[in-house]
Amino acid sequence: MDKASIIKDTIEYIQRLQAEEHQMVREVAALESAATATANAPAANPLGIGGGGAEEYEYGGYDALEQRNKKVQRALSVSSINDAVLTAAADASPSPPPPVEIQELRVSKVRDKVLVTSVMDSGR
């Protein structure tokens, strides 16, 4: 393979990864908004049928959702993902996990505000 085809393949691969990243961010935003909507839904009218539905959409529906998506994209970070994973793990198992002895820790900067972390443990 010549250099040009390697670079072309690399660019296509990066573009596919970026598309997957955008799709995952959209899915996370949809799940979070669904969870928020479920938690905040009024008990008397859970489907929002009648009585002010158009006003909600006009004054806060689409624009609020768009703002929320932007905030989610900005706020989505390793720490928030880690917190969610730890919370889910704590809910799933009542006993604490066994301690992990870290043998090697490598952090590499991929781009601005993006780091790749590699952790090697003792494997016990």
PDB file of N, CA and C in Angstrom:
ATOM      1  N   MET A   1       0.841  -1.184   0.000  1.00  0.00           N
ATOM      2  CA  MET A   1       0.000   0.000   0.000  1.00  0.00           C
ATOM      3  C   MET A   1       0.883   1.244   0.000  1.00  0.00           C
ATOM      4  N   ASP A   2       0.484   2.206  -0.777  1.00  0.00           N
ATOM      5  CA  ASP A   2       1.239   3.451  -0.782  1.00  0.00           C
ATOM      6  C   ASP A   2       0.722   4.378   0.315  1.00  0.00           C
ATOM      7  N   LYS A   3       1.464   5.430   0.569  1.00  0.00           N
ATOM      8  CA  LYS A   3       1.138   6.348   1.665  1.00  0.00           C
ATOM      9  C   LYS A   3      -0.223   7.005   1.478  1.00  0.00           C
ATOM     10  N   ALA A   4      -0.555   7.354   0.253  1.00  0.00           N
ATOM     11  CA  ALA A   4      -1.823   8.037  -0.010  1.00  0.00           C
ATOM     12  C   ALA A   4      -3.018   7.151   0.350  1.00  0.00           C
ATOM     13  N   SER A   5      -2.965   5.881  -0.002  1.00  0.00           N
ATOM     14  CA  SER A   5      -4.089   4.996   0.313  1.00  0.00           C
ATOM     15  C   SER A   5      -4.178   4.726   1.814  1.00  0.00           C
ATOM     16  N   ILE A   6      -3.045   4.660   2.497  1.00  0.00           N
ATOM     17  CA  ILE A   6      -3.055   4.485   3.951  1.00  0.00           C
ATOM     18  C   ILE A   6      -3.694   5.695   4.612  1.00  0.00           C
ATOM     19  N   ILE A   7      -3.323   6.885   4.166  1.00  0.00           N
ATOM     20  CA  ILE A   7      -3.892   8.113   4.727  1.00  0.00           C
ATOM     21  C   ILE A   7      -5.386   8.188   4.432  1.00  0.00           C
ATOM     22  N   LYS A   8      -5.778   7.820   3.209  1.00  0.00           N
ATOM     23  CA  LYS A   8      -7.199   7.828   2.842  1.00  0.00           C
ATOM     24  C   LYS A   8      -7.988   6.869   3.731  1.00  0.00           C
ATOM     25  N   ASP A   9      -7.480   5.651   3.919  1.00  0.00           N
ATOM     26  CA  ASP A   9      -8.148   4.677   4.784  1.00  0.00           C
ATOM     27  C   ASP A   9      -8.236   5.181   6.221  1.00  0.00           C
ATOM     28  N   THR A  10      -7.179   5.824   6.682  1.00  0.00           N
ATOM     29  CA  THR A  10      -7.162   6.357   8.043  1.00  0.00           C
ATOM     30  C   THR A  10      -8.211   7.444   8.210  1.00  0.00           C
ATOM     31  N   ILE A  11      -8.314   8.333   7.246  1.00  0.00           N
ATOM     32  CA  ILE A  11      -9.308   9.411   7.307  1.00  0.00           C
ATOM     33  C   ILE A  11     -10.720   8.835   7.314  1.00  0.00           C
ATOM     34  N   GLU A  12     -10.983   7.848   6.464  1.00  0.00           N
ATOM     35  CA  GLU A  12     -12.305   7.224   6.436  1.00  0.00           C
ATOM     36  C   GLU A  12     -12.625   6.555   7.771  1.00  0.00           C
ATOM     37  N   TYR A  13     -11.631   5.886   8.353  1.00  0.00           N
ATOM     38  CA  TYR A  13     -11.830   5.223   9.640  1.00  0.00           C
ATOM     39  C   TYR A  13     -12.135   6.241  10.731  1.00  0.00           C
ATOM     40  N   ILE A  14     -11.410   7.344  10.755  1.00  0.00           N
ATOM     41  CA  ILE A  14     -11.639   8.391  11.754  1.00  0.00           C
ATOM     42  C   ILE A  14     -13.029   8.990  11.575  1.00  0.00           C
ATOM     43  N   GLN A  15     -13.448   9.191  10.337  1.00  0.00           N
ATOM     44  CA  GLN A  15     -14.782   9.735  10.089  1.00  0.00           C
ATOM     45  C   GLN A  15     -15.868   8.778  10.574  1.00  0.00           C
ATOM     46  N   ARG A  16     -15.662   7.467  10.381  1.00  0.00           N
ATOM     47  CA  ARG A  16     -16.630   6.490  10.892  1.00  0.00           C
ATOM     48  C   ARG A  16     -16.681   6.530  12.414  1.00  0.00           C
ATOM     49  N   LEU A  17     -15.514   6.629  13.048  1.00  0.00           N
ATOM     50  CA  LEU A  17     -15.475   6.711  14.509  1.00  0.00           C
ATOM     51  C   LEU A  17     -16.178   7.965  15.013  1.00  0.00           C
ATOM     52  N   GLN A  18     -15.973   9.090  14.328  1.00  0.00           N
ATOM     53  CA  GLN A  18     -16.638  10.323  14.732  1.00  0.00           C
ATOM     54  C   GLN A  18     -18.149  10.207  14.569  1.00  0.00           C
ATOM     55  N   ALA A  19     -18.594   9.558  13.502  1.00  0.00           N
ATOM     56  CA  ALA A  19     -20.034   9.356  13.306  1.00  0.00           C
ATOM     57  C   ALA A  19     -20.606   8.481  14.422  1.00  0.00           C
ATOM     58  N   GLU A  20     -19.865   7.434  14.797  1.00  0.00           N
ATOM     59  CA  GLU A  20     -20.304   6.585  15.907  1.00  0.00           C
ATOM     60  C   GLU A  20     -20.353   7.374  17.212  1.00  0.00           C
ATOM     61  N   GLU A  21     -19.364   8.239  17.424  1.00  0.00           N
ATOM     62  CA  GLU A  21     -19.336   9.062  18.633  1.00  0.00           C
ATOM     63  C   GLU A  21     -20.565   9.964  18.688  1.00  0.00           C
ATOM     64  N   HIS A  22     -20.890  10.621  17.569  1.00  0.00           N
ATOM     65  CA  HIS A  22     -22.058  11.505  17.527  1.00  0.00           C
ATOM     66  C   HIS A  22     -23.340  10.712  17.784  1.00  0.00           C
ATOM     67  N   GLN A  23     -23.433   9.508  17.213  1.00  0.00           N
ATOM     68  CA  GLN A  23     -24.610   8.665  17.426  1.00  0.00           C
ATOM     69  C   GLN A  23     -24.741   8.294  18.899  1.00  0.00           C
ATOM     70  N   MET A  24     -23.635   7.939  19.536  1.00  0.00           N
ATOM     71  CA  MET A  24     -23.669   7.573  20.957  1.00  0.00           C
ATOM     72  C   MET A  24     -24.061   8.758  21.829  1.00  0.00           C
ATOM     73  N   VAL A  25     -23.568   9.942  21.491  1.00  0.00           N
ATOM     74  CA  VAL A  25     -23.936  11.141  22.254  1.00  0.00           C
ATOM     75  C   VAL A  25     -25.428  11.398  22.121  1.00  0.00           C
ATOM     76  N   ARG A  26     -25.973  11.228  20.905  1.00  0.00           N
ATOM     77  CA  ARG A  26     -27.412  11.408  20.709  1.00  0.00           C
ATOM     78  C   ARG A  26     -28.204  10.374  21.512  1.00  0.00           C
ATOM     79  N   GLU A  27     -27.733   9.120  21.526  1.00  0.00           N
ATOM     80  CA  GLU A  27     -28.426   8.080  22.281  1.00  0.00           C
ATOM     81  C   GLU A  27     -28.398   8.371  23.779  1.00  0.00           C
ATOM     82  N   VAL A  28     -27.253   8.808  24.285  1.00  0.00           N
ATOM     83  CA  VAL A  28     -27.145   9.146  25.706  1.00  0.00           C
ATOM     84  C   VAL A  28     -28.080  10.298  26.040  1.00  0.00           C
ATOM     85  N   ALA A  29     -28.123  11.307  25.185  1.00  0.00           N
ATOM     86  CA  ALA A  29     -29.009  12.448  25.425  1.00  0.00           C
ATOM     87  C   ALA A  29     -30.468  12.005  25.418  1.00  0.00           C
ATOM     88  N   ALA A  30     -30.823  11.125  24.491  1.00  0.00           N
ATOM     89  CA  ALA A  30     -32.202  10.636  24.433  1.00  0.00           C
ATOM     90  C   ALA A  30     -32.546   9.831  25.680  1.00  0.00           C
ATOM     91  N   LEU A  31     -31.625   8.989  26.122  1.00  0.00           N
ATOM     92  CA  LEU A  31     -31.872   8.200  27.332  1.00  0.00           C
ATOM     93  C   LEU A  31     -31.991   9.088  28.562  1.00  0.00           C
ATOM     94  N   GLU A  32     -31.117  10.086  28.663  1.00  0.00           N
ATOM     95  CA  GLU A  32     -31.180  10.992  29.807  1.00  0.00           C
ATOM     96  C   GLU A  32     -32.462  11.814  29.795  1.00  0.00           C
ATOM     97  N   SER A  33     -32.876  12.278  28.617  1.00  0.00           N
ATOM     98  CA  SER A  33     -34.109  13.062  28.564  1.00  0.00           C
ATOM     99  C   SER A  33     -35.318  12.176  28.851  1.00  0.00           C
ATOM    100  N   ALA A  34     -35.274  10.921  28.418  1.00  0.00           N
ATOM    101  CA  ALA A  34     -36.372  10.001  28.726  1.00  0.00           C
ATOM    102  C   ALA A  34     -36.422   9.717  30.222  1.00  0.00           C
ATOM    103  N   ALA A  35     -35.265   9.555  30.833  1.00  0.00           N
ATOM    104  CA  ALA A  35     -35.224   9.312  32.278  1.00  0.00           C
ATOM    105  C   ALA A  35     -35.721  10.535  33.038  1.00  0.00           C
ATOM    106  N   THR A  36     -35.338  11.721  32.584  1.00  0.00           N
ATOM    107  CA  THR A  36     -35.787  12.954  33.224  1.00  0.00           C
ATOM    108  C   THR A  36     -37.288  13.127  33.041  1.00  0.00           C
ATOM    109  N   ALA A  37     -37.776  12.850  31.841  1.00  0.00           N
ATOM    110  CA  ALA A  37     -39.209  12.984  31.573  1.00  0.00           C
ATOM    111  C   ALA A  37     -40.008  11.994  32.412  1.00  0.00           C
ATOM    112  N   THR A  38     -39.492  10.792  32.580  1.00  0.00           N
ATOM    113  CA  THR A  38     -40.175   9.790  33.392  1.00  0.00           C
ATOM    114  C   THR A  38     -40.197  10.211  34.852  1.00  0.00           C
ATOM    115  N   ALA A  39     -39.097  10.759  35.329  1.00  0.00           N
ATOM    116  CA  ALA A  39     -39.015  11.174  36.729  1.00  0.00           C
ATOM    117  C   ALA A  39     -39.882  12.401  37.005  1.00  0.00           C
ATOM    118  N   ASN A  40     -40.027  13.288  36.022  1.00  0.00           N
ATOM    119  CA  ASN A  40     -40.759  14.542  36.222  1.00  0.00           C
ATOM    120  C   ASN A  40     -42.178  14.518  35.671  1.00  0.00           C
ATOM    121  N   ALA A  41     -42.639  13.383  35.156  1.00  0.00           N
ATOM    122  CA  ALA A  41     -43.968  13.311  34.545  1.00  0.00           C
ATOM    123  C   ALA A  41     -45.045  13.481  35.606  1.00  0.00           C
ATOM    124  N   PRO A  42     -46.058  14.331  35.330  1.00  0.00           N
ATOM    125  CA  PRO A  42     -47.157  14.487  36.287  1.00  0.00           C
ATOM    126  C   PRO A  42     -48.001  13.218  36.335  1.00  0.00           C
ATOM    127  N   ALA A  43     -48.415  12.833  37.519  1.00  0.00           N
ATOM    128  CA  ALA A  43     -49.162  11.591  37.701  1.00  0.00           C
ATOM    129  C   ALA A  43     -50.560  11.681  37.109  1.00  0.00           C
ATOM    130  N   ALA A  44     -51.204  12.850  37.164  1.00  0.00           N
ATOM    131  CA  ALA A  44     -52.578  12.990  36.696  1.00  0.00           C
ATOM    132  C   ALA A  44     -52.670  12.870  35.183  1.00  0.00           C
ATOM    133  N   ASN A  45     -51.660  13.305  34.443  1.00  0.00           N
ATOM    134  CA  ASN A  45     -51.696  13.297  32.997  1.00  0.00           C
ATOM    135  C   ASN A  45     -50.343  12.820  32.468  1.00  0.00           C
ATOM    136  N   PRO A  46     -50.024  11.533  32.575  1.00  0.00           N
ATOM    137  CA  PRO A  46     -48.697  11.062  32.226  1.00  0.00           C
ATOM    138  C   PRO A  46     -48.343  11.203  30.754  1.00  0.00           C
ATOM    139  N   LEU A  47     -49.323  11.205  29.858  1.00  0.00           N
ATOM    140  CA  LEU A  47     -49.025  11.330  28.440  1.00  0.00           C
ATOM    141  C   LEU A  47     -49.041  12.770  27.964  1.00  0.00           C
ATOM    142  N   GLY A  48     -49.447  13.701  28.796  1.00  0.00           N
ATOM    143  CA  GLY A  48     -49.487  15.108  28.425  1.00  0.00           C
ATOM    144  C   GLY A  48     -50.568  15.414  27.409  1.00  0.00           C
ATOM    145  N   ILE A  49     -51.655  14.654  27.413  1.00  0.00           N
ATOM    146  CA  ILE A  49     -52.726  14.846  26.442  1.00  0.00           C
ATOM    147  C   ILE A  49     -53.617  15.983  26.915  1.00  0.00           C
ATOM    148  N   GLY A  50     -53.847  16.955  26.026  1.00  0.00           N
ATOM    149  CA  GLY A  50     -54.709  18.085  26.344  1.00  0.00           C
ATOM    150  C   GLY A  50     -54.069  19.043  27.323  1.00  0.00           C
ATOM    151  N   GLY A  51     -54.703  20.198  27.489  1.00  0.00           N
ATOM    152  CA  GLY A  51     -54.305  21.148  28.521  1.00  0.00           C
ATOM    153  C   GLY A  51     -52.876  21.624  28.478  1.00  0.00           C
ATOM    154  N   GLY A  52     -52.517  22.440  27.510  1.00  0.00           N
ATOM    155  CA  GLY A  52     -51.222  23.113  27.539  1.00  0.00           C
ATOM    156  C   GLY A  52     -50.102  22.407  26.817  1.00  0.00           C
ATOM    157  N   GLY A  53     -50.368  21.335  26.134  1.00  0.00           N
ATOM    158  CA  GLY A  53     -49.297  20.636  25.429  1.00  0.00           C
ATOM    159  C   GLY A  53     -48.662  21.499  24.355  1.00  0.00           C
ATOM    160  N   ALA A  54     -49.486  22.246  23.609  1.00  0.00           N
ATOM    161  CA  ALA A  54     -48.942  23.093  22.553  1.00  0.00           C
ATOM    162  C   ALA A  54     -48.127  24.232  23.136  1.00  0.00           C
ATOM    163  N   GLU A  55     -48.586  24.776  24.260  1.00  0.00           N
ATOM    164  CA  GLU A  55     -47.840  25.863  24.890  1.00  0.00           C
ATOM    165  C   GLU A  55     -46.479  25.386  25.371  1.00  0.00           C
ATOM    166  N   GLU A  56     -46.435  24.176  25.935  1.00  0.00           N
ATOM    167  CA  GLU A  56     -45.153  23.636  26.386  1.00  0.00           C
ATOM    168  C   GLU A  56     -44.201  23.504  25.208  1.00  0.00           C
ATOM    169  N   TYR A  57     -44.712  22.996  24.088  1.00  0.00           N
ATOM    170  CA  TYR A  57     -43.859  22.816  22.923  1.00  0.00           C
ATOM    171  C   TYR A  57     -43.397  24.166  22.383  1.00  0.00           C
ATOM    172  N   GLU A  58     -44.323  25.100  22.309  1.00  0.00           N
ATOM    173  CA  GLU A  58     -43.999  26.399  21.738  1.00  0.00           C
ATOM    174  C   GLU A  58     -42.980  27.150  22.585  1.00  0.00           C
ATOM    175  N   TYR A  59     -43.140  27.123  23.886  1.00  0.00           N
ATOM    176  CA  TYR A  59     -42.283  27.935  24.743  1.00  0.00           C
ATOM    177  C   TYR A  59     -41.072  27.198  25.292  1.00  0.00           C
ATOM    178  N   GLY A  60     -41.106  25.864  25.352  1.00  0.00           N
ATOM    179  CA  GLY A  60     -39.960  25.207  25.953  1.00  0.00           C
ATOM    180  C   GLY A  60     -39.656  23.842  25.392  1.00  0.00           C
ATOM    181  N   GLY A  61     -40.416  23.378  24.449  1.00  0.00           N
ATOM    182  CA  GLY A  61     -40.231  22.021  23.956  1.00  0.00           C
ATOM    183  C   GLY A  61     -38.967  21.826  23.156  1.00  0.00           C
ATOM    184  N   TYR A  62     -38.984  22.245  21.911  1.00  0.00           N
ATOM    185  CA  TYR A  62     -37.866  21.975  21.020  1.00  0.00           C
ATOM    186  C   TYR A  62     -36.617  22.743  21.425  1.00  0.00           C
ATOM    187  N   ASP A  63     -36.771  24.032  21.744  1.00  0.00           N
ATOM    188  CA  ASP A  63     -35.602  24.829  22.127  1.00  0.00           C
ATOM    189  C   ASP A  63     -34.949  24.288  23.387  1.00  0.00           C
ATOM    190  N   ALA A  64     -35.749  23.872  24.348  1.00  0.00           N
ATOM    191  CA  ALA A  64     -35.189  23.323  25.586  1.00  0.00           C
ATOM    192  C   ALA A  64     -34.460  22.017  25.301  1.00  0.00           C
ATOM    193  N   LEU A  65     -35.025  21.183  24.427  1.00  0.00           N
ATOM    194  CA  LEU A  65     -34.374  19.925  24.078  1.00  0.00           C
ATOM    195  C   LEU A  65     -33.057  20.181  23.364  1.00  0.00           C
ATOM    196  N   GLU A  66     -33.062  21.146  22.451  1.00  0.00           N
ATOM    197  CA  GLU A  66     -31.833  21.482  21.731  1.00  0.00           C
ATOM    198  C   GLU A  66     -30.765  22.000  22.692  1.00  0.00           C
ATOM    199  N   GLN A  67     -31.159  22.873  23.622  1.00  0.00           N
ATOM    200  CA  GLN A  67     -30.212  23.377  24.619  1.00  0.00           C
ATOM    201  C   GLN A  67     -29.688  22.240  25.483  1.00  0.00           C
ATOM    202  N   ARG A  68     -30.566  21.325  25.869  1.00  0.00           N
ATOM    203  CA  ARG A  68     -30.152  20.201  26.701  1.00  0.00           C
ATOM    204  C   ARG A  68     -29.140  19.334  25.963  1.00  0.00           C
ATOM    205  N   ASN A  69     -29.380  19.079  24.672  1.00  0.00           N
ATOM    206  CA  ASN A  69     -28.438  18.277  23.900  1.00  0.00           C
ATOM    207  C   ASN A  69     -27.074  18.941  23.851  1.00  0.00           C
ATOM    208  N   LYS A  70     -27.046  20.261  23.688  1.00  0.00           N
ATOM    209  CA  LYS A  70     -25.772  20.974  23.671  1.00  0.00           C
ATOM    210  C   LYS A  70     -25.080  20.861  25.018  1.00  0.00           C
ATOM    211  N   LYS A  71     -25.872  20.995  26.100  1.00  0.00           N
ATOM    212  CA  LYS A  71     -25.292  20.885  27.434  1.00  0.00           C
ATOM    213  C   LYS A  71     -24.757  19.484  27.679  1.00  0.00           C
ATOM    214  N   VAL A  72     -25.492  18.468  27.207  1.00  0.00           N
ATOM    215  CA  VAL A  72     -25.043  17.091  27.398  1.00  0.00           C
ATOM    216  C   VAL A  72     -23.733  16.871  26.661  1.00  0.00           C
ATOM    217  N   GLN A  73     -23.638  17.393  25.447  1.00  0.00           N
ATOM    218  CA  GLN A  73     -22.408  17.218  24.694  1.00  0.00           C
ATOM    219  C   GLN A  73     -21.238  17.876  25.404  1.00  0.00           C
ATOM    220  N   ARG A  74     -21.478  19.050  26.015  1.00  0.00           N
ATOM    221  CA  ARG A  74     -20.400  19.720  26.732  1.00  0.00           C
ATOM    222  C   ARG A  74     -20.095  19.040  28.052  1.00  0.00           C
ATOM    223  N   ALA A  75     -21.124  18.551  28.732  1.00  0.00           N
ATOM    224  CA  ALA A  75     -20.940  18.026  30.081  1.00  0.00           C
ATOM    225  C   ALA A  75     -20.511  16.566  30.105  1.00  0.00           C
ATOM    226  N   LEU A  76     -20.698  15.860  29.004  1.00  0.00           N
ATOM    227  CA  LEU A  76     -20.340  14.455  28.971  1.00  0.00           C
ATOM    228  C   LEU A  76     -18.837  14.316  29.110  1.00  0.00           C
ATOM    229  N   SER A  77     -18.413  13.725  30.174  1.00  0.00           N
ATOM    230  CA  SER A  77     -16.983  13.589  30.418  1.00  0.00           C
ATOM    231  C   SER A  77     -16.709  12.250  31.058  1.00  0.00           C
ATOM    232  N   VAL A  78     -15.450  11.968  31.202  1.00  0.00           N
ATOM    233  CA  VAL A  78     -15.058  10.707  31.808  1.00  0.00           C
ATOM    234  C   VAL A  78     -15.579  10.618  33.232  1.00  0.00           C
ATOM    235  N   SER A  79     -15.529  11.727  33.965  1.00  0.00           N
ATOM    236  CA  SER A  79     -15.977  11.676  35.354  1.00  0.00           C
ATOM    237  C   SER A  79     -17.474  11.413  35.445  1.00  0.00           C
ATOM    238  N   SER A  80     -18.277  12.008  34.568  1.00  0.00           N
ATOM    239  CA  SER A  80     -19.715  11.762  34.633  1.00  0.00           C
ATOM    240  C   SER A  80     -20.040  10.332  34.224  1.00  0.00           C
ATOM    241  N   ILE A  81     -19.330   9.809  33.236  1.00  0.00           N
ATOM    242  CA  ILE A  81     -19.533   8.420  32.838  1.00  0.00           C
ATOM    243  C   ILE A  81     -19.096   7.497  33.969  1.00  0.00           C
ATOM    244  N   ASN A  82     -17.950   7.806  34.578  1.00  0.00           N
ATOM    245  CA  ASN A  82     -17.444   7.003  35.684  1.00  0.00           C
ATOM    246  C   ASN A  82     -18.432   7.013  36.846  1.00  0.00           C
ATOM    247  N   ASP A  83     -18.996   8.180  37.167  1.00  0.00           N
ATOM    248  CA  ASP A  83     -19.980   8.273  38.245  1.00  0.00           C
ATOM    249  C   ASP A  83     -21.201   7.403  37.943  1.00  0.00           C
ATOM    250  N   ALA A  84     -21.656   7.430  36.698  1.00  0.00           N
ATOM    251  CA  ALA A  84     -22.814   6.623  36.325  1.00  0.00           C
ATOM    252  C   ALA A  84     -22.506   5.135  36.441  1.00  0.00           C
ATOM    253  N   VAL A  85     -21.321   4.736  36.009  1.00  0.00           N
ATOM    254  CA  VAL A  85     -20.929   3.326  36.096  1.00  0.00           C
ATOM    255  C   VAL A  85     -20.826   2.895  37.554  1.00  0.00           C
ATOM    256  N   LEU A  86     -20.205   3.743  38.381  1.00  0.00           N
ATOM    257  CA  LEU A  86     -20.070   3.408  39.798  1.00  0.00           C
ATOM    258  C   LEU A  86     -21.428   3.329  40.485  1.00  0.00           C
ATOM    259  N   THR A  87     -22.339   4.234  40.137  1.00  0.00           N
ATOM    260  CA  THR A  87     -23.679   4.208  40.714  1.00  0.00           C
ATOM    261  C   THR A  87     -24.413   2.939  40.299  1.00  0.00           C
ATOM    262  N   ALA A  88     -24.322   2.580  39.026  1.00  0.00           N
ATOM    263  CA  ALA A  88     -24.976   1.363  38.545  1.00  0.00           C
ATOM    264  C   ALA A  88     -24.372   0.129  39.213  1.00  0.00           C
ATOM    265  N   ALA A  89     -23.066   0.117  39.372  1.00  0.00           N
ATOM    266  CA  ALA A  89     -22.410  -1.018  40.017  1.00  0.00           C
ATOM    267  C   ALA A  89     -22.804  -1.108  41.486  1.00  0.00           C
ATOM    268  N   ALA A  90     -22.925   0.030  42.146  1.00  0.00           N
ATOM    269  CA  ALA A  90     -23.315   0.035  43.555  1.00  0.00           C
ATOM    270  C   ALA A  90     -24.751  -0.454  43.720  1.00  0.00           C
ATOM    271  N   ASP A  91     -25.620  -0.093  42.765  1.00  0.00           N
ATOM    272  CA  ASP A  91     -27.007  -0.547  42.831  1.00  0.00           C
ATOM    273  C   ASP A  91     -27.114  -2.047  42.549  1.00  0.00           C
ATOM    274  N   ALA A  92     -26.249  -2.562  41.682  1.00  0.00           N
ATOM    275  CA  ALA A  92     -26.327  -3.958  41.264  1.00  0.00           C
ATOM    276  C   ALA A  92     -25.802  -4.915  42.325  1.00  0.00           C
ATOM    277  N   SER A  93     -24.719  -4.571  43.001  1.00  0.00           N
ATOM    278  CA  SER A  93     -24.142  -5.497  43.972  1.00  0.00           C
ATOM    279  C   SER A  93     -24.020  -4.824  45.330  1.00  0.00           C
ATOM    280  N   PRO A  94     -24.603  -5.429  46.356  1.00  0.00           N
ATOM    281  CA  PRO A  94     -24.537  -4.826  47.679  1.00  0.00           C
ATOM    282  C   PRO A  94     -23.159  -4.945  48.333  1.00  0.00           C
ATOM    283  N   SER A  95     -22.373  -5.953  47.960  1.00  0.00           N
ATOM    284  CA  SER A  95     -21.054  -6.104  48.567  1.00  0.00           C
ATOM    285  C   SER A  95     -20.024  -5.298  47.787  1.00  0.00           C
ATOM    286  N   PRO A  96     -19.023  -4.751  48.466  1.00  0.00           N
ATOM    287  CA  PRO A  96     -18.018  -3.956  47.766  1.00  0.00           C
ATOM    288  C   PRO A  96     -17.141  -4.845  46.887  1.00  0.00           C
ATOM    289  N   PRO A  97     -16.683  -4.308  45.769  1.00  0.00           N
ATOM    290  CA  PRO A  97     -15.832  -5.098  44.885  1.00  0.00           C
ATOM    291  C   PRO A  97     -14.466  -5.326  45.531  1.00  0.00           C
ATOM    292  N   PRO A  98     -13.778  -6.382  45.133  1.00  0.00           N
ATOM    293  CA  PRO A  98     -12.451  -6.618  45.695  1.00  0.00           C
ATOM    294  C   PRO A  98     -11.490  -5.522  45.246  1.00  0.00           C
ATOM    295  N   PRO A  99     -10.479  -5.234  46.049  1.00  0.00           N
ATOM    296  CA  PRO A  99      -9.538  -4.176  45.673  1.00  0.00           C
ATOM    297  C   PRO A  99      -8.737  -4.565  44.432  1.00  0.00           C
ATOM    298  N   VAL A 100      -8.347  -3.564  43.677  1.00  0.00           N
ATOM    299  CA  VAL A 100      -7.568  -3.772  42.464  1.00  0.00           C
ATOM    300  C   VAL A 100      -6.194  -3.168  42.677  1.00  0.00           C
ATOM    301  N   GLU A 101      -5.182  -3.946  42.378  1.00  0.00           N
ATOM    302  CA  GLU A 101      -3.815  -3.454  42.487  1.00  0.00           C
ATOM    303  C   GLU A 101      -3.345  -3.052  41.093  1.00  0.00           C
ATOM    304  N   ILE A 102      -3.136  -1.770  40.894  1.00  0.00           N
ATOM    305  CA  ILE A 102      -2.736  -1.257  39.586  1.00  0.00           C
ATOM    306  C   ILE A 102      -1.237  -1.469  39.400  1.00  0.00           C
ATOM    307  N   GLN A 103      -0.881  -2.177  38.325  1.00  0.00           N
ATOM    308  CA  GLN A 103       0.519  -2.435  38.007  1.00  0.00           C
ATOM    309  C   GLN A 103       1.097  -1.339  37.110  1.00  0.00           C
ATOM    310  N   GLU A 104       0.285  -0.880  36.169  1.00  0.00           N
ATOM    311  CA  GLU A 104       0.763   0.116  35.210  1.00  0.00           C
ATOM    312  C   GLU A 104      -0.397   1.021  34.816  1.00  0.00           C
ATOM    313  N   LEU A 105      -0.119   2.314  34.700  1.00  0.00           N
ATOM    314  CA  LEU A 105      -1.118   3.292  34.294  1.00  0.00           C
ATOM    315  C   LEU A 105      -0.485   4.190  33.245  1.00  0.00           C
ATOM    316  N   ARG A 106      -1.099   4.223  32.046  1.00  0.00           N
ATOM    317  CA  ARG A 106      -0.612   5.090  30.976  1.00  0.00           C
ATOM    318  C   ARG A 106      -1.739   5.999  30.520  1.00  0.00           C
ATOM    319  N   VAL A 107      -1.432   7.284  30.377  1.00  0.00           N
ATOM    320  CA  VAL A 107      -2.392   8.266  29.884  1.00  0.00           C
ATOM    321  C   VAL A 107      -1.776   8.933  28.667  1.00  0.00           C
ATOM    322  N   SER A 108      -2.495   8.895  27.551  1.00  0.00           N
ATOM    323  CA  SER A 108      -2.009   9.489  26.307  1.00  0.00           C
ATOM    324  C   SER A 108      -2.998  10.540  25.832  1.00  0.00           C
ATOM    325  N   LYS A 109      -2.486  11.677  25.407  1.00  0.00           N
ATOM    326  CA  LYS A 109      -3.349  12.734  24.889  1.00  0.00           C
ATOM    327  C   LYS A 109      -3.614  12.458  23.413  1.00  0.00           C
ATOM    328  N   VAL A 110      -4.902  12.348  23.051  1.00  0.00           N
ATOM    329  CA  VAL A 110      -5.291  12.093  21.674  1.00  0.00           C
ATOM    330  C   VAL A 110      -5.502  13.405  20.939  1.00  0.00           C
ATOM    331  N   ARG A 111      -6.264  14.289  21.559  1.00  0.00           N
ATOM    332  CA  ARG A 111      -6.483  15.628  21.033  1.00  0.00           C
ATOM    333  C   ARG A 111      -6.872  16.510  22.205  1.00  0.00           C
ATOM    334  N   ASP A 112      -7.207  17.742  21.937  1.00  0.00           N
ATOM    335  CA  ASP A 112      -7.552  18.669  23.003  1.00  0.00           C
ATOM    336  C   ASP A 112      -8.739  18.132  23.799  1.00  0.00           C
ATOM    337  N   LYS A 113      -8.568  17.981  25.090  1.00  0.00           N
ATOM    338  CA  LYS A 113      -9.590  17.507  26.024  1.00  0.00           C
ATOM    339  C   LYS A 113      -9.977  16.043  25.821  1.00  0.00           C
ATOM    340  N   VAL A 114      -9.169  15.258  25.104  1.00  0.00           N
ATOM    341  CA  VAL A 114      -9.439  13.835  24.925  1.00  0.00           C
ATOM    342  C   VAL A 114      -8.190  13.056  25.307  1.00  0.00           C
ATOM    343  N   LEU A 115      -8.333  12.191  26.290  1.00  0.00           N
ATOM    344  CA  LEU A 115      -7.225  11.383  26.769  1.00  0.00           C
ATOM    345  C   LEU A 115      -7.603   9.913  26.680  1.00  0.00           C
ATOM    346  N   VAL A 116      -6.605   9.060  26.436  1.00  0.00           N
ATOM    347  CA  VAL A 116      -6.802   7.621  26.457  1.00  0.00           C
ATOM    348  C   VAL A 116      -6.048   7.087  27.654  1.00  0.00           C
ATOM    349  N   THR A 117      -6.737   6.322  28.488  1.00  0.00           N
ATOM    350  CA  THR A 117      -6.131   5.777  29.695  1.00  0.00           C
ATOM    351  C   THR A 117      -6.037   4.269  29.564  1.00  0.00           C
ATOM    352  N   SER A 118      -4.866   3.739  29.840  1.00  0.00           N
ATOM    353  CA  SER A 118      -4.645   2.304  29.822  1.00  0.00           C
ATOM    354  C   SER A 118      -4.219   1.878  31.217  1.00  0.00           C
ATOM    355  N   VAL A 119      -4.966   0.951  31.807  1.00  0.00           N
ATOM    356  CA  VAL A 119      -4.687   0.492  33.166  1.00  0.00           C
ATOM    357  C   VAL A 119      -4.426  -1.006  33.126  1.00  0.00           C
ATOM    358  N   MET A 120      -3.324  -1.431  33.734  1.00  0.00           N
ATOM    359  CA  MET A 120      -3.021  -2.849  33.836  1.00  0.00           C
ATOM    360  C   MET A 120      -3.047  -3.219  35.314  1.00  0.00           C
ATOM    361  N   ASP A 121      -3.845  -4.235  35.647  1.00  0.00           N
ATOM    362  CA  ASP A 121      -3.913  -4.649  37.048  1.00  0.00           C
ATOM    363  C   ASP A 121      -3.207  -5.988  37.236  1.00  0.00           C
ATOM    364  N   SER A 122      -3.203  -6.464  38.472  1.00  0.00           N
ATOM    365  CA  SER A 122      -2.486  -7.695  38.790  1.00  0.00           C
ATOM    366  C   SER A 122      -3.205  -8.934  38.270  1.00  0.00           C
ATOM    367  N   GLY A 123      -4.473  -8.828  37.923  1.00  0.00           N
ATOM    368  CA  GLY A 123      -5.217  -9.936  37.341  1.00  0.00           C
ATOM    369  C   GLY A 123      -5.634 -10.988  38.353  1.00  0.00           C
ATOM    370  N   ARG A 124      -5.733 -10.609  39.603  1.00  0.00           N
ATOM    371  CA  ARG A 124      -6.151 -11.580  40.628  1.00  0.00           C
ATOM    372  C   ARG A 124      -7.613 -11.859  40.543  1.00  0.00           C
TER     373      ARG A 124
END
